[in-house]
Amino acid sequence: MSNIHSYRAAAGHGLRASRMESHGVPGRVQVTDATRRRLGPPFRFEDHGFIEAKGIGQLHTWFLSRGDLNLAV
């Protein structure tokens, strides 16, 4: 992958993270639908619904269930 393509890919992830942060809730871990599917069990998630992410469109987001936060030790 050329440097310009690497930069564009990284910029896209940064934009998504920035948009999700602006729709986040303090103390909660918010993930995209793709991340939720990739993590799967043993994690549990609470549907946060769709957010409108400027420059991206709608993103389906989820919160990591509070009980699962203890697993990240």
N, C-alpha and C. Protein backbone atom coordinates (compact mmCIF):
# COMPACT_ATOMS: atom_id res chain seq x y z
N MET A 1 0.85 -1.18 0.00
CA MET A 1 0.00 0.00 0.00
C MET A 1 0.90 1.23 0.00
N SER A 2 0.61 2.15 -0.87
CA SER A 2 1.44 3.36 -0.94
C SER A 2 1.17 4.26 0.26
N ASN A 3 2.06 5.19 0.48
CA ASN A 3 1.91 6.11 1.61
C ASN A 3 0.62 6.90 1.55
N ILE A 4 0.20 7.35 0.36
CA ILE A 4 -1.02 8.15 0.26
C ILE A 4 -2.24 7.31 0.61
N HIS A 5 -2.23 6.03 0.20
CA HIS A 5 -3.36 5.15 0.54
C HIS A 5 -3.38 4.85 2.04
N SER A 6 -2.22 4.67 2.63
CA SER A 6 -2.14 4.44 4.08
C SER A 6 -2.67 5.65 4.83
N TYR A 7 -2.30 6.84 4.36
CA TYR A 7 -2.76 8.06 5.01
C TYR A 7 -4.28 8.19 4.92
N ARG A 8 -4.83 7.91 3.77
CA ARG A 8 -6.29 8.00 3.60
C ARG A 8 -7.02 7.00 4.47
N ALA A 9 -6.50 5.79 4.58
CA ALA A 9 -7.13 4.78 5.43
C ALA A 9 -7.09 5.21 6.89
N ALA A 10 -5.95 5.73 7.34
CA ALA A 10 -5.82 6.18 8.73
C ALA A 10 -6.72 7.39 8.97
N ALA A 11 -6.81 8.28 8.02
CA ALA A 11 -7.67 9.47 8.18
C ALA A 11 -9.12 9.06 8.30
N GLY A 12 -9.53 8.05 7.55
CA GLY A 12 -10.91 7.57 7.62
C GLY A 12 -11.25 7.02 8.99
N HIS A 13 -10.33 6.26 9.57
CA HIS A 13 -10.56 5.72 10.92
C HIS A 13 -10.59 6.83 11.96
N GLY A 14 -9.71 7.81 11.79
CA GLY A 14 -9.69 8.93 12.72
C GLY A 14 -10.97 9.75 12.66
N LEU A 15 -11.50 9.94 11.46
CA LEU A 15 -12.75 10.67 11.30
C LEU A 15 -13.89 9.92 11.98
N ARG A 16 -13.95 8.61 11.78
CA ARG A 16 -15.00 7.80 12.40
C ARG A 16 -14.89 7.87 13.93
N ALA A 17 -13.69 7.76 14.45
CA ALA A 17 -13.49 7.82 15.90
C ALA A 17 -13.91 9.18 16.45
N SER A 18 -13.58 10.23 15.74
CA SER A 18 -13.95 11.58 16.17
C SER A 18 -15.47 11.75 16.20
N ARG A 19 -16.15 11.25 15.17
CA ARG A 19 -17.61 11.37 15.10
C ARG A 19 -18.26 10.55 16.21
N MET A 20 -17.73 9.38 16.47
CA MET A 20 -18.30 8.55 17.54
C MET A 20 -18.08 9.20 18.90
N GLU A 21 -16.92 9.81 19.10
CA GLU A 21 -16.64 10.47 20.37
C GLU A 21 -17.64 11.60 20.64
N SER A 22 -18.00 12.32 19.59
CA SER A 22 -18.94 13.43 19.79
C SER A 22 -20.35 12.95 20.10
N HIS A 23 -20.64 11.67 19.86
CA HIS A 23 -21.95 11.10 20.19
C HIS A 23 -21.87 10.13 21.36
N GLY A 24 -20.74 10.11 22.03
CA GLY A 24 -20.53 9.16 23.12
C GLY A 24 -21.21 9.58 24.41
N VAL A 25 -21.12 8.71 25.38
CA VAL A 25 -21.67 8.94 26.71
C VAL A 25 -20.51 8.74 27.69
N PRO A 26 -20.26 9.71 28.57
CA PRO A 26 -19.16 9.56 29.53
C PRO A 26 -19.26 8.25 30.32
N GLY A 27 -18.14 7.56 30.42
CA GLY A 27 -18.08 6.33 31.19
C GLY A 27 -18.55 5.09 30.43
N ARG A 28 -18.93 5.23 29.17
CA ARG A 28 -19.40 4.09 28.37
C ARG A 28 -18.43 3.84 27.23
N VAL A 29 -18.27 2.58 26.85
CA VAL A 29 -17.44 2.20 25.72
C VAL A 29 -18.36 1.96 24.53
N GLN A 30 -18.22 2.81 23.50
CA GLN A 30 -19.06 2.73 22.32
C GLN A 30 -18.26 2.12 21.17
N VAL A 31 -18.88 1.18 20.45
CA VAL A 31 -18.20 0.54 19.33
C VAL A 31 -19.13 0.53 18.12
N THR A 32 -18.53 0.38 16.94
CA THR A 32 -19.32 0.25 15.71
C THR A 32 -19.90 -1.15 15.63
N ASP A 33 -20.85 -1.31 14.71
CA ASP A 33 -21.45 -2.63 14.50
C ASP A 33 -20.40 -3.64 14.04
N ALA A 34 -19.47 -3.20 13.20
CA ALA A 34 -18.41 -4.11 12.73
C ALA A 34 -17.55 -4.60 13.89
N THR A 35 -17.23 -3.72 14.83
CA THR A 35 -16.44 -4.12 16.00
C THR A 35 -17.22 -5.08 16.88
N ARG A 36 -18.51 -4.80 17.07
CA ARG A 36 -19.37 -5.69 17.87
C ARG A 36 -19.37 -7.10 17.27
N ARG A 37 -19.54 -7.19 15.97
CA ARG A 37 -19.57 -8.51 15.31
C ARG A 37 -18.22 -9.20 15.43
N ARG A 38 -17.15 -8.44 15.34
CA ARG A 38 -15.81 -9.04 15.40
C ARG A 38 -15.49 -9.55 16.82
N LEU A 39 -15.88 -8.80 17.84
CA LEU A 39 -15.61 -9.22 19.22
C LEU A 39 -16.46 -10.42 19.60
N GLY A 40 -17.76 -10.35 19.31
CA GLY A 40 -18.66 -11.46 19.62
C GLY A 40 -18.57 -11.90 21.07
N PRO A 41 -19.01 -13.16 21.35
CA PRO A 41 -18.92 -13.68 22.71
C PRO A 41 -17.46 -13.73 23.13
N PRO A 42 -17.13 -13.52 24.37
CA PRO A 42 -18.01 -13.49 25.54
C PRO A 42 -18.59 -12.11 25.85
N PHE A 43 -18.36 -11.13 25.00
CA PHE A 43 -18.84 -9.78 25.27
C PHE A 43 -20.32 -9.63 24.98
N ARG A 44 -20.96 -8.75 25.74
CA ARG A 44 -22.37 -8.43 25.54
C ARG A 44 -22.45 -6.94 25.24
N PHE A 45 -23.42 -6.57 24.44
CA PHE A 45 -23.56 -5.18 24.01
C PHE A 45 -24.99 -4.69 24.17
N GLU A 46 -25.12 -3.38 24.35
CA GLU A 46 -26.42 -2.72 24.42
C GLU A 46 -26.53 -1.84 23.18
N ASP A 47 -27.62 -1.98 22.46
CA ASP A 47 -27.83 -1.20 21.23
C ASP A 47 -27.94 0.28 21.57
N HIS A 48 -27.09 1.09 20.96
CA HIS A 48 -27.14 2.54 21.15
C HIS A 48 -27.89 3.20 19.99
N GLY A 49 -28.17 2.42 18.95
CA GLY A 49 -28.91 2.93 17.81
C GLY A 49 -27.99 3.54 16.77
N PHE A 50 -28.59 4.34 15.91
CA PHE A 50 -27.84 4.95 14.81
C PHE A 50 -27.47 6.39 15.16
N ILE A 51 -26.26 6.77 14.78
CA ILE A 51 -25.83 8.15 14.94
C ILE A 51 -25.56 8.70 13.54
N GLU A 52 -25.78 9.97 13.37
CA GLU A 52 -25.48 10.63 12.10
C GLU A 52 -24.08 11.19 12.20
N ALA A 53 -23.17 10.60 11.45
CA ALA A 53 -21.76 10.99 11.48
C ALA A 53 -21.46 11.84 10.25
N LYS A 54 -21.23 13.11 10.48
CA LYS A 54 -20.94 14.05 9.39
C LYS A 54 -19.79 13.54 8.52
N GLY A 55 -20.00 13.53 7.23
CA GLY A 55 -18.98 13.07 6.30
C GLY A 55 -18.94 11.56 6.13
N ILE A 56 -19.73 10.83 6.92
CA ILE A 56 -19.74 9.36 6.85
C ILE A 56 -21.15 8.85 6.56
N GLY A 57 -22.14 9.41 7.23
CA GLY A 57 -23.51 8.92 7.14
C GLY A 57 -23.93 8.30 8.46
N GLN A 58 -24.88 7.41 8.41
CA GLN A 58 -25.36 6.78 9.63
C GLN A 58 -24.46 5.61 10.03
N LEU A 59 -24.17 5.55 11.33
CA LEU A 59 -23.40 4.45 11.90
C LEU A 59 -24.24 3.79 12.98
N HIS A 60 -24.34 2.46 12.92
CA HIS A 60 -25.02 1.72 13.99
C HIS A 60 -24.00 1.49 15.09
N THR A 61 -24.29 1.98 16.28
CA THR A 61 -23.32 1.87 17.38
C THR A 61 -23.91 1.10 18.55
N TRP A 62 -23.02 0.58 19.34
CA TRP A 62 -23.36 -0.25 20.50
C TRP A 62 -22.50 0.17 21.68
N PHE A 63 -23.02 -0.07 22.89
CA PHE A 63 -22.24 0.11 24.11
C PHE A 63 -21.84 -1.26 24.63
N LEU A 64 -20.60 -1.37 25.08
CA LEU A 64 -20.16 -2.58 25.76
C LEU A 64 -20.91 -2.63 27.09
N SER A 65 -21.50 -3.79 27.40
CA SER A 65 -22.24 -3.91 28.67
C SER A 65 -21.31 -3.69 29.84
N ARG A 66 -21.81 -3.04 30.85
CA ARG A 66 -20.98 -2.67 31.99
C ARG A 66 -20.31 -3.87 32.66
N GLY A 67 -20.97 -5.00 32.74
CA GLY A 67 -20.39 -6.19 33.36
C GLY A 67 -19.16 -6.69 32.64
N ASP A 68 -19.07 -6.41 31.33
CA ASP A 68 -17.94 -6.87 30.53
C ASP A 68 -16.71 -6.01 30.69
N LEU A 69 -16.86 -4.83 31.27
CA LEU A 69 -15.70 -3.95 31.43
C LEU A 69 -14.65 -4.55 32.34
N ASN A 70 -15.04 -5.46 33.24
CA ASN A 70 -14.08 -6.12 34.14
C ASN A 70 -13.24 -7.15 33.42
N LEU A 71 -13.62 -7.58 32.21
CA LEU A 71 -12.86 -8.58 31.47
C LEU A 71 -11.56 -8.03 30.91
N ALA A 72 -11.46 -6.73 30.78
CA ALA A 72 -10.28 -6.11 30.14
C ALA A 72 -9.15 -5.92 31.14
N VAL A 73 -8.79 -6.96 31.84
CA VAL A 73 -7.72 -6.90 32.84
C VAL A 73 -6.49 -7.55 32.29
